[in-house]
N, C-alpha and C. Protein backbone atom coordinates (compact mmCIF):
# COMPACT_ATOMS: atom_id res chain seq x y z
N MET A 1 60.73 212.15 -170.99
CA MET A 1 59.33 212.04 -171.34
C MET A 1 59.09 212.71 -172.69
N GLU A 2 58.39 212.04 -173.58
CA GLU A 2 58.01 212.60 -174.86
C GLU A 2 56.52 212.92 -174.87
N ARG A 3 56.15 213.96 -175.64
CA ARG A 3 54.75 214.37 -175.80
C ARG A 3 54.43 214.42 -177.29
N PRO A 4 54.15 213.25 -177.91
CA PRO A 4 53.80 213.26 -179.32
C PRO A 4 52.54 214.08 -179.57
N PRO A 5 52.38 214.55 -180.79
CA PRO A 5 53.29 214.48 -181.91
C PRO A 5 54.56 215.32 -181.69
N LEU A 6 55.65 214.81 -182.28
CA LEU A 6 56.96 215.44 -182.11
C LEU A 6 57.31 216.27 -183.34
N PRO A 7 58.10 217.31 -183.14
CA PRO A 7 58.61 218.03 -184.32
C PRO A 7 59.58 217.15 -185.09
N PRO A 8 59.73 217.40 -186.38
CA PRO A 8 59.16 218.47 -187.18
C PRO A 8 57.69 218.21 -187.49
N PHE A 9 56.90 219.28 -187.49
CA PHE A 9 55.46 219.17 -187.66
C PHE A 9 55.05 219.17 -189.12
N THR A 10 53.96 218.49 -189.39
CA THR A 10 53.25 218.54 -190.66
C THR A 10 51.91 219.21 -190.38
N ALA A 11 51.13 219.46 -191.41
CA ALA A 11 49.80 220.04 -191.18
C ALA A 11 48.98 219.13 -190.27
N GLN A 12 49.08 217.82 -190.50
CA GLN A 12 48.30 216.88 -189.70
C GLN A 12 48.79 216.83 -188.25
N THR A 13 50.09 216.77 -188.03
CA THR A 13 50.58 216.66 -186.65
C THR A 13 50.45 217.99 -185.89
N ALA A 14 50.56 219.11 -186.59
CA ALA A 14 50.35 220.41 -185.93
C ALA A 14 48.89 220.52 -185.47
N ALA A 15 47.95 220.09 -186.32
CA ALA A 15 46.53 220.13 -185.93
C ALA A 15 46.28 219.19 -184.75
N ALA A 16 46.91 218.02 -184.76
CA ALA A 16 46.75 217.08 -183.64
C ALA A 16 47.32 217.68 -182.36
N LYS A 17 48.46 218.36 -182.46
CA LYS A 17 49.08 218.99 -181.29
C LYS A 17 48.16 220.07 -180.72
N ALA A 18 47.56 220.87 -181.59
CA ALA A 18 46.65 221.93 -181.13
C ALA A 18 45.41 221.33 -180.47
N ARG A 19 44.90 220.24 -181.03
CA ARG A 19 43.70 219.61 -180.43
C ARG A 19 44.04 219.02 -179.06
N LEU A 20 45.21 218.41 -178.93
CA LEU A 20 45.62 217.89 -177.62
C LEU A 20 45.74 219.01 -176.59
N ALA A 21 46.29 220.15 -177.03
CA ALA A 21 46.39 221.30 -176.13
C ALA A 21 45.00 221.80 -175.75
N GLU A 22 44.12 221.90 -176.72
CA GLU A 22 42.74 222.32 -176.45
C GLU A 22 42.08 221.39 -175.43
N ASP A 23 42.22 220.09 -175.65
CA ASP A 23 41.61 219.12 -174.73
C ASP A 23 42.14 219.28 -173.31
N ALA A 24 43.45 219.48 -173.18
CA ALA A 24 44.04 219.63 -171.85
C ALA A 24 43.50 220.90 -171.18
N TRP A 25 43.50 222.01 -171.92
CA TRP A 25 43.01 223.27 -171.33
C TRP A 25 41.54 223.16 -170.96
N ASN A 26 40.74 222.47 -171.78
CA ASN A 26 39.32 222.31 -171.45
C ASN A 26 39.09 221.42 -170.23
N SER A 27 40.09 220.64 -169.86
CA SER A 27 39.97 219.84 -168.62
C SER A 27 40.01 220.74 -167.39
N ARG A 28 40.58 221.93 -167.54
CA ARG A 28 40.78 222.89 -166.45
C ARG A 28 41.55 222.25 -165.29
N ASP A 29 42.48 221.38 -165.64
CA ASP A 29 43.35 220.71 -164.67
C ASP A 29 44.76 221.28 -164.85
N PRO A 30 45.19 222.21 -163.98
CA PRO A 30 46.50 222.85 -164.16
C PRO A 30 47.66 221.87 -164.20
N GLN A 31 47.61 220.81 -163.43
CA GLN A 31 48.69 219.82 -163.43
C GLN A 31 48.78 219.11 -164.78
N ARG A 32 47.64 218.73 -165.31
CA ARG A 32 47.61 218.06 -166.62
C ARG A 32 48.15 218.99 -167.71
N VAL A 33 47.71 220.24 -167.71
CA VAL A 33 48.16 221.19 -168.72
C VAL A 33 49.67 221.39 -168.62
N ALA A 34 50.18 221.56 -167.40
CA ALA A 34 51.60 221.86 -167.19
C ALA A 34 52.53 220.76 -167.70
N LEU A 35 52.06 219.54 -167.76
CA LEU A 35 52.91 218.43 -168.23
C LEU A 35 53.28 218.54 -169.71
N ALA A 36 52.58 219.39 -170.45
CA ALA A 36 52.90 219.57 -171.87
C ALA A 36 54.05 220.55 -172.08
N TYR A 37 54.55 221.16 -171.01
CA TYR A 37 55.58 222.19 -171.09
C TYR A 37 56.88 221.71 -170.47
N THR A 38 58.00 222.23 -170.95
CA THR A 38 59.27 221.91 -170.33
C THR A 38 59.28 222.46 -168.90
N GLU A 39 60.14 221.92 -168.07
CA GLU A 39 60.20 222.38 -166.67
C GLU A 39 60.60 223.84 -166.58
N ASP A 40 61.31 224.34 -167.59
CA ASP A 40 61.74 225.75 -167.59
C ASP A 40 61.05 226.55 -168.72
N SER A 41 59.85 226.13 -169.06
CA SER A 41 59.11 226.80 -170.13
C SER A 41 58.95 228.29 -169.82
N VAL A 42 59.13 229.09 -170.87
CA VAL A 42 59.01 230.55 -170.76
C VAL A 42 57.62 230.94 -171.28
N TRP A 43 56.90 231.71 -170.48
CA TRP A 43 55.54 232.12 -170.84
C TRP A 43 55.39 233.63 -170.84
N ARG A 44 54.62 234.10 -171.82
CA ARG A 44 54.00 235.42 -171.75
C ARG A 44 52.54 235.19 -172.01
N ASN A 45 51.72 235.57 -171.05
CA ASN A 45 50.27 235.47 -171.18
C ASN A 45 49.69 236.85 -170.89
N ARG A 46 49.24 237.51 -171.93
CA ARG A 46 48.82 238.91 -171.82
C ARG A 46 50.02 239.71 -171.32
N SER A 47 49.91 240.32 -170.12
CA SER A 47 51.03 241.09 -169.58
C SER A 47 51.78 240.34 -168.48
N ALA A 48 51.49 239.07 -168.29
CA ALA A 48 52.18 238.25 -167.29
C ALA A 48 53.35 237.52 -167.96
N PHE A 49 54.51 237.60 -167.33
CA PHE A 49 55.72 236.93 -167.82
C PHE A 49 56.22 236.03 -166.69
N PHE A 50 56.46 234.75 -166.99
CA PHE A 50 56.99 233.86 -165.96
C PHE A 50 57.65 232.64 -166.60
N VAL A 51 58.34 231.86 -165.75
CA VAL A 51 59.11 230.71 -166.21
C VAL A 51 58.82 229.53 -165.30
N GLY A 52 58.59 228.36 -165.90
CA GLY A 52 58.55 227.11 -165.16
C GLY A 52 57.18 226.52 -164.93
N ARG A 53 57.17 225.19 -164.80
CA ARG A 53 55.92 224.46 -164.59
C ARG A 53 55.20 224.87 -163.32
N ASP A 54 55.94 225.09 -162.24
CA ASP A 54 55.29 225.48 -160.98
C ASP A 54 54.50 226.77 -161.15
N ARG A 55 55.07 227.72 -161.87
CA ARG A 55 54.38 228.99 -162.12
C ARG A 55 53.20 228.80 -163.07
N ILE A 56 53.33 227.88 -164.02
CA ILE A 56 52.21 227.57 -164.92
C ILE A 56 51.04 227.04 -164.10
N VAL A 57 51.30 226.10 -163.20
CA VAL A 57 50.25 225.53 -162.37
C VAL A 57 49.61 226.64 -161.51
N GLU A 58 50.43 227.47 -160.91
CA GLU A 58 49.92 228.57 -160.09
C GLU A 58 49.05 229.52 -160.92
N PHE A 59 49.53 229.89 -162.08
CA PHE A 59 48.79 230.79 -162.96
C PHE A 59 47.44 230.18 -163.36
N LEU A 60 47.45 228.93 -163.83
CA LEU A 60 46.22 228.30 -164.30
C LEU A 60 45.23 228.03 -163.17
N THR A 61 45.73 227.71 -162.00
CA THR A 61 44.85 227.50 -160.84
C THR A 61 44.05 228.77 -160.57
N GLN A 62 44.73 229.91 -160.55
CA GLN A 62 44.04 231.18 -160.32
C GLN A 62 43.12 231.52 -161.48
N LYS A 63 43.59 231.27 -162.70
CA LYS A 63 42.78 231.58 -163.88
C LYS A 63 41.43 230.90 -163.80
N TRP A 64 41.42 229.60 -163.50
CA TRP A 64 40.16 228.87 -163.52
C TRP A 64 39.33 229.06 -162.26
N LEU A 65 39.87 229.69 -161.24
CA LEU A 65 39.04 230.15 -160.12
C LEU A 65 38.27 231.40 -160.54
N ASP A 66 38.91 232.24 -161.37
CA ASP A 66 38.30 233.49 -161.81
C ASP A 66 37.42 233.32 -163.04
N GLU A 67 37.72 232.37 -163.90
CA GLU A 67 37.01 232.20 -165.17
C GLU A 67 36.15 230.94 -165.11
N ARG A 68 34.88 231.13 -164.90
CA ARG A 68 33.94 230.02 -164.73
C ARG A 68 33.36 229.61 -166.07
N ASP A 69 32.88 228.37 -166.13
CA ASP A 69 32.24 227.86 -167.35
C ASP A 69 33.12 228.02 -168.58
N TYR A 70 34.42 227.80 -168.40
CA TYR A 70 35.44 228.00 -169.44
C TYR A 70 35.35 226.92 -170.50
N ARG A 71 35.23 227.36 -171.76
CA ARG A 71 35.23 226.46 -172.92
C ARG A 71 36.08 227.11 -174.01
N LEU A 72 36.98 226.31 -174.60
CA LEU A 72 38.01 226.82 -175.50
C LEU A 72 38.05 226.03 -176.80
N ILE A 73 38.33 226.74 -177.90
CA ILE A 73 38.63 226.10 -179.18
C ILE A 73 39.93 226.70 -179.71
N LYS A 74 40.86 225.83 -180.15
CA LYS A 74 42.13 226.26 -180.75
C LYS A 74 42.15 225.82 -182.21
N GLU A 75 42.89 226.57 -183.01
CA GLU A 75 43.04 226.24 -184.43
C GLU A 75 44.43 226.66 -184.88
N VAL A 76 45.09 225.80 -185.64
CA VAL A 76 46.42 226.13 -186.15
C VAL A 76 46.31 227.23 -187.18
N TRP A 77 47.19 228.21 -187.07
CA TRP A 77 47.27 229.30 -188.04
C TRP A 77 48.41 229.03 -189.03
N ALA A 78 49.56 228.59 -188.47
CA ALA A 78 50.74 228.27 -189.29
C ALA A 78 51.65 227.36 -188.47
N PHE A 79 52.61 226.71 -189.16
CA PHE A 79 53.55 225.83 -188.46
C PHE A 79 54.85 225.77 -189.24
N SER A 80 55.91 225.36 -188.55
CA SER A 80 57.19 225.07 -189.18
C SER A 80 57.79 223.89 -188.44
N ASP A 81 59.07 223.67 -188.59
CA ASP A 81 59.69 222.48 -188.02
C ASP A 81 59.33 222.24 -186.56
N ASP A 82 59.62 223.21 -185.69
CA ASP A 82 59.39 223.01 -184.26
C ASP A 82 58.52 224.11 -183.66
N ARG A 83 57.74 224.78 -184.50
CA ARG A 83 56.91 225.89 -184.04
C ARG A 83 55.50 225.78 -184.61
N ILE A 84 54.55 226.27 -183.80
CA ILE A 84 53.15 226.34 -184.23
C ILE A 84 52.62 227.70 -183.81
N ALA A 85 51.92 228.35 -184.72
CA ALA A 85 51.15 229.55 -184.39
C ALA A 85 49.68 229.12 -184.38
N ALA A 86 49.01 229.39 -183.28
CA ALA A 86 47.62 229.00 -183.14
C ALA A 86 46.78 230.22 -182.79
N ARG A 87 45.54 230.16 -183.20
CA ARG A 87 44.59 231.15 -182.73
C ARG A 87 43.57 230.41 -181.89
N PHE A 88 42.95 231.12 -180.98
CA PHE A 88 41.98 230.47 -180.10
C PHE A 88 40.91 231.46 -179.70
N VAL A 89 39.80 230.89 -179.28
CA VAL A 89 38.71 231.66 -178.69
C VAL A 89 38.21 230.85 -177.51
N TYR A 90 37.96 231.55 -176.41
CA TYR A 90 37.28 230.87 -175.31
C TYR A 90 36.18 231.76 -174.76
N GLU A 91 35.17 231.10 -174.21
CA GLU A 91 34.08 231.79 -173.54
C GLU A 91 34.12 231.42 -172.07
N ARG A 92 33.75 232.43 -171.25
CA ARG A 92 33.77 232.21 -169.82
C ARG A 92 32.87 233.22 -169.14
N GLN A 93 32.54 232.90 -167.90
CA GLN A 93 31.71 233.77 -167.09
C GLN A 93 32.55 234.27 -165.92
N ASP A 94 32.38 235.55 -165.57
CA ASP A 94 33.13 236.08 -164.42
C ASP A 94 32.32 235.91 -163.13
N ALA A 95 32.90 236.32 -162.01
CA ALA A 95 32.28 236.13 -160.70
C ALA A 95 30.96 236.90 -160.56
N GLN A 96 30.79 237.95 -161.34
CA GLN A 96 29.55 238.73 -161.30
C GLN A 96 28.48 238.18 -162.24
N GLY A 97 28.81 237.12 -162.98
CA GLY A 97 27.84 236.50 -163.88
C GLY A 97 27.88 237.01 -165.31
N ALA A 98 28.78 237.95 -165.60
CA ALA A 98 28.89 238.47 -166.98
C ALA A 98 29.65 237.47 -167.85
N TRP A 99 29.25 237.41 -169.13
CA TRP A 99 29.90 236.52 -170.09
C TRP A 99 30.91 237.29 -170.93
N TRP A 100 31.98 236.60 -171.27
CA TRP A 100 33.09 237.16 -172.04
C TRP A 100 33.52 236.16 -173.10
N ARG A 101 33.97 236.71 -174.22
CA ARG A 101 34.63 235.89 -175.24
C ARG A 101 36.04 236.46 -175.41
N ALA A 102 37.03 235.60 -175.27
CA ALA A 102 38.43 236.00 -175.42
C ALA A 102 38.93 235.49 -176.77
N HIS A 103 39.55 236.38 -177.54
CA HIS A 103 40.15 236.04 -178.83
C HIS A 103 41.65 236.16 -178.66
N GLY A 104 42.39 235.13 -179.05
CA GLY A 104 43.83 235.18 -178.84
C GLY A 104 44.63 234.49 -179.91
N ASN A 105 45.92 234.79 -179.87
CA ASN A 105 46.92 234.17 -180.72
C ASN A 105 48.04 233.67 -179.84
N GLU A 106 48.56 232.51 -180.16
CA GLU A 106 49.68 231.93 -179.42
C GLU A 106 50.79 231.57 -180.38
N LEU A 107 52.00 231.77 -179.93
CA LEU A 107 53.18 231.29 -180.63
C LEU A 107 53.82 230.24 -179.74
N TRP A 108 54.02 229.05 -180.29
CA TRP A 108 54.56 227.93 -179.52
C TRP A 108 55.89 227.48 -180.13
N ALA A 109 56.86 227.20 -179.27
CA ALA A 109 58.13 226.61 -179.69
C ALA A 109 58.34 225.35 -178.87
N PHE A 110 58.71 224.25 -179.53
CA PHE A 110 58.81 222.94 -178.90
C PHE A 110 60.25 222.44 -178.88
N ASP A 111 60.54 221.62 -177.87
CA ASP A 111 61.83 220.94 -177.85
C ASP A 111 61.70 219.63 -178.63
N PRO A 112 62.78 218.89 -178.84
CA PRO A 112 62.71 217.66 -179.65
C PRO A 112 61.79 216.59 -179.06
N ARG A 113 61.48 216.66 -177.76
CA ARG A 113 60.60 215.67 -177.12
C ARG A 113 59.13 216.03 -177.26
N GLY A 114 58.83 217.16 -177.93
CA GLY A 114 57.45 217.57 -178.12
C GLY A 114 56.89 218.38 -176.97
N LEU A 115 57.75 218.79 -176.03
CA LEU A 115 57.32 219.65 -174.93
C LEU A 115 57.46 221.11 -175.34
N MET A 116 56.50 221.92 -174.94
CA MET A 116 56.55 223.33 -175.31
C MET A 116 57.55 224.05 -174.41
N ARG A 117 58.53 224.67 -175.05
CA ARG A 117 59.57 225.38 -174.30
C ARG A 117 59.29 226.87 -174.21
N ARG A 118 58.39 227.35 -175.06
CA ARG A 118 58.04 228.78 -175.03
C ARG A 118 56.60 228.95 -175.51
N ARG A 119 55.87 229.82 -174.80
CA ARG A 119 54.48 230.16 -175.16
C ARG A 119 54.31 231.67 -175.04
N GLU A 120 53.91 232.29 -176.14
CA GLU A 120 53.63 233.72 -176.19
C GLU A 120 52.15 233.87 -176.53
N ALA A 121 51.37 234.49 -175.66
CA ALA A 121 49.93 234.62 -175.89
C ALA A 121 49.48 236.07 -175.82
N SER A 122 48.80 236.51 -176.85
CA SER A 122 48.16 237.82 -176.88
C SER A 122 46.66 237.58 -176.91
N ILE A 123 45.92 238.25 -176.02
CA ILE A 123 44.51 237.93 -175.81
C ILE A 123 43.71 239.22 -175.63
N ASN A 124 42.54 239.27 -176.27
CA ASN A 124 41.62 240.39 -176.11
C ASN A 124 40.27 239.85 -175.65
N ASP A 125 39.69 240.49 -174.66
CA ASP A 125 38.39 240.09 -174.11
C ASP A 125 37.29 240.99 -174.66
N VAL A 126 36.16 240.38 -175.02
CA VAL A 126 35.01 241.10 -175.52
C VAL A 126 33.80 240.67 -174.69
N PRO A 127 33.07 241.61 -174.09
CA PRO A 127 31.86 241.22 -173.37
C PRO A 127 30.80 240.72 -174.36
N ILE A 128 30.09 239.68 -173.97
CA ILE A 128 29.01 239.15 -174.81
C ILE A 128 27.78 238.92 -173.93
N ASP A 129 26.62 238.93 -174.57
CA ASP A 129 25.39 238.54 -173.88
C ASP A 129 25.35 237.02 -173.81
N GLU A 130 24.73 236.51 -172.78
CA GLU A 130 24.62 235.05 -172.67
C GLU A 130 23.98 234.45 -173.91
N ALA A 131 23.03 235.14 -174.51
CA ALA A 131 22.35 234.65 -175.72
C ALA A 131 23.29 234.55 -176.91
N ASP A 132 24.43 235.25 -176.86
CA ASP A 132 25.39 235.23 -177.97
C ASP A 132 26.46 234.16 -177.83
N ARG A 133 26.41 233.39 -176.75
CA ARG A 133 27.40 232.33 -176.57
C ARG A 133 27.28 231.32 -177.72
N LEU A 134 28.43 230.77 -178.10
CA LEU A 134 28.48 229.76 -179.17
C LEU A 134 28.99 228.40 -178.67
N PHE A 135 29.59 228.37 -177.50
CA PHE A 135 30.22 227.15 -176.98
C PHE A 135 29.32 226.59 -175.87
N HIS A 136 28.50 225.61 -176.22
CA HIS A 136 27.50 225.10 -175.28
C HIS A 136 27.70 223.65 -174.85
N TRP A 137 28.80 223.03 -175.23
CA TRP A 137 28.97 221.63 -174.85
C TRP A 137 29.18 221.53 -173.33
N PRO A 138 28.95 220.33 -172.76
CA PRO A 138 29.20 220.17 -171.32
C PRO A 138 30.66 220.46 -171.01
N LEU A 139 30.93 220.96 -169.81
CA LEU A 139 32.31 221.26 -169.43
C LEU A 139 33.20 220.06 -169.72
N GLY A 140 34.40 220.33 -170.20
CA GLY A 140 35.35 219.28 -170.57
C GLY A 140 35.66 219.35 -172.05
N ARG A 141 36.05 218.23 -172.60
CA ARG A 141 36.50 218.16 -174.00
C ARG A 141 35.40 218.57 -174.97
N ARG A 142 35.76 219.36 -175.96
CA ARG A 142 34.83 219.73 -177.03
C ARG A 142 34.48 218.47 -177.82
N PRO A 143 33.20 218.19 -178.02
CA PRO A 143 32.83 216.99 -178.78
C PRO A 143 33.39 217.03 -180.20
N ASP A 144 33.72 215.87 -180.73
CA ASP A 144 34.33 215.78 -182.06
C ASP A 144 33.47 216.42 -183.14
N GLY A 145 32.16 216.35 -183.04
CA GLY A 145 31.30 216.91 -184.07
C GLY A 145 31.04 218.40 -183.93
N HIS A 146 31.53 219.01 -182.88
CA HIS A 146 31.29 220.45 -182.67
C HIS A 146 32.14 221.26 -183.64
N PRO A 147 31.56 222.28 -184.26
CA PRO A 147 32.35 223.07 -185.22
C PRO A 147 33.55 223.77 -184.57
N GLY A 148 34.58 224.00 -185.38
CA GLY A 148 35.75 224.75 -184.95
C GLY A 148 35.55 226.23 -185.20
N LEU A 149 36.62 227.00 -185.02
CA LEU A 149 36.53 228.46 -185.13
C LEU A 149 36.11 228.92 -186.51
N THR A 150 36.72 228.36 -187.55
CA THR A 150 36.41 228.79 -188.91
C THR A 150 34.94 228.51 -189.24
N ALA A 151 34.49 227.31 -188.90
CA ALA A 151 33.10 226.94 -189.18
C ALA A 151 32.11 227.80 -188.41
N LEU A 152 32.51 228.29 -187.24
CA LEU A 152 31.65 229.17 -186.45
C LEU A 152 31.72 230.63 -186.90
N GLY A 153 32.60 230.93 -187.84
CA GLY A 153 32.75 232.29 -188.32
C GLY A 153 33.53 233.19 -187.37
N LEU A 154 34.34 232.58 -186.52
CA LEU A 154 35.14 233.35 -185.55
C LEU A 154 36.56 233.55 -186.05
């Protein structure tokens, strides 16, 4: 199975890869997201370390039970032949109704089929007031006309 765009990446294909990842994560469908990774993909997400699609599905299932009203924007920071560095921001609400904005960086390494074989994510959470939210589109894919991180000043 291939997951275009395939490495080696250009500025255009790296941006397309990041948008496809953003769209999948905004679906909040762990099975859909996991298909973008190799079966033995290595992950570090904050302080969690694990390997494999089954663990990715398990992790994301729990994540989206805990993180309500999740909306995410990703942006390419840098790229090379088979690697992309992306930054991202997402907003979410916790079970107590408090709003949070998470700022993160990801390092991605891909196999020749375009599947991510490694994901390293560092993430910081900042509490925000509901009035300070910037991501207001309906749950799901960010509309094409919605500004990205740079345009939002994030």
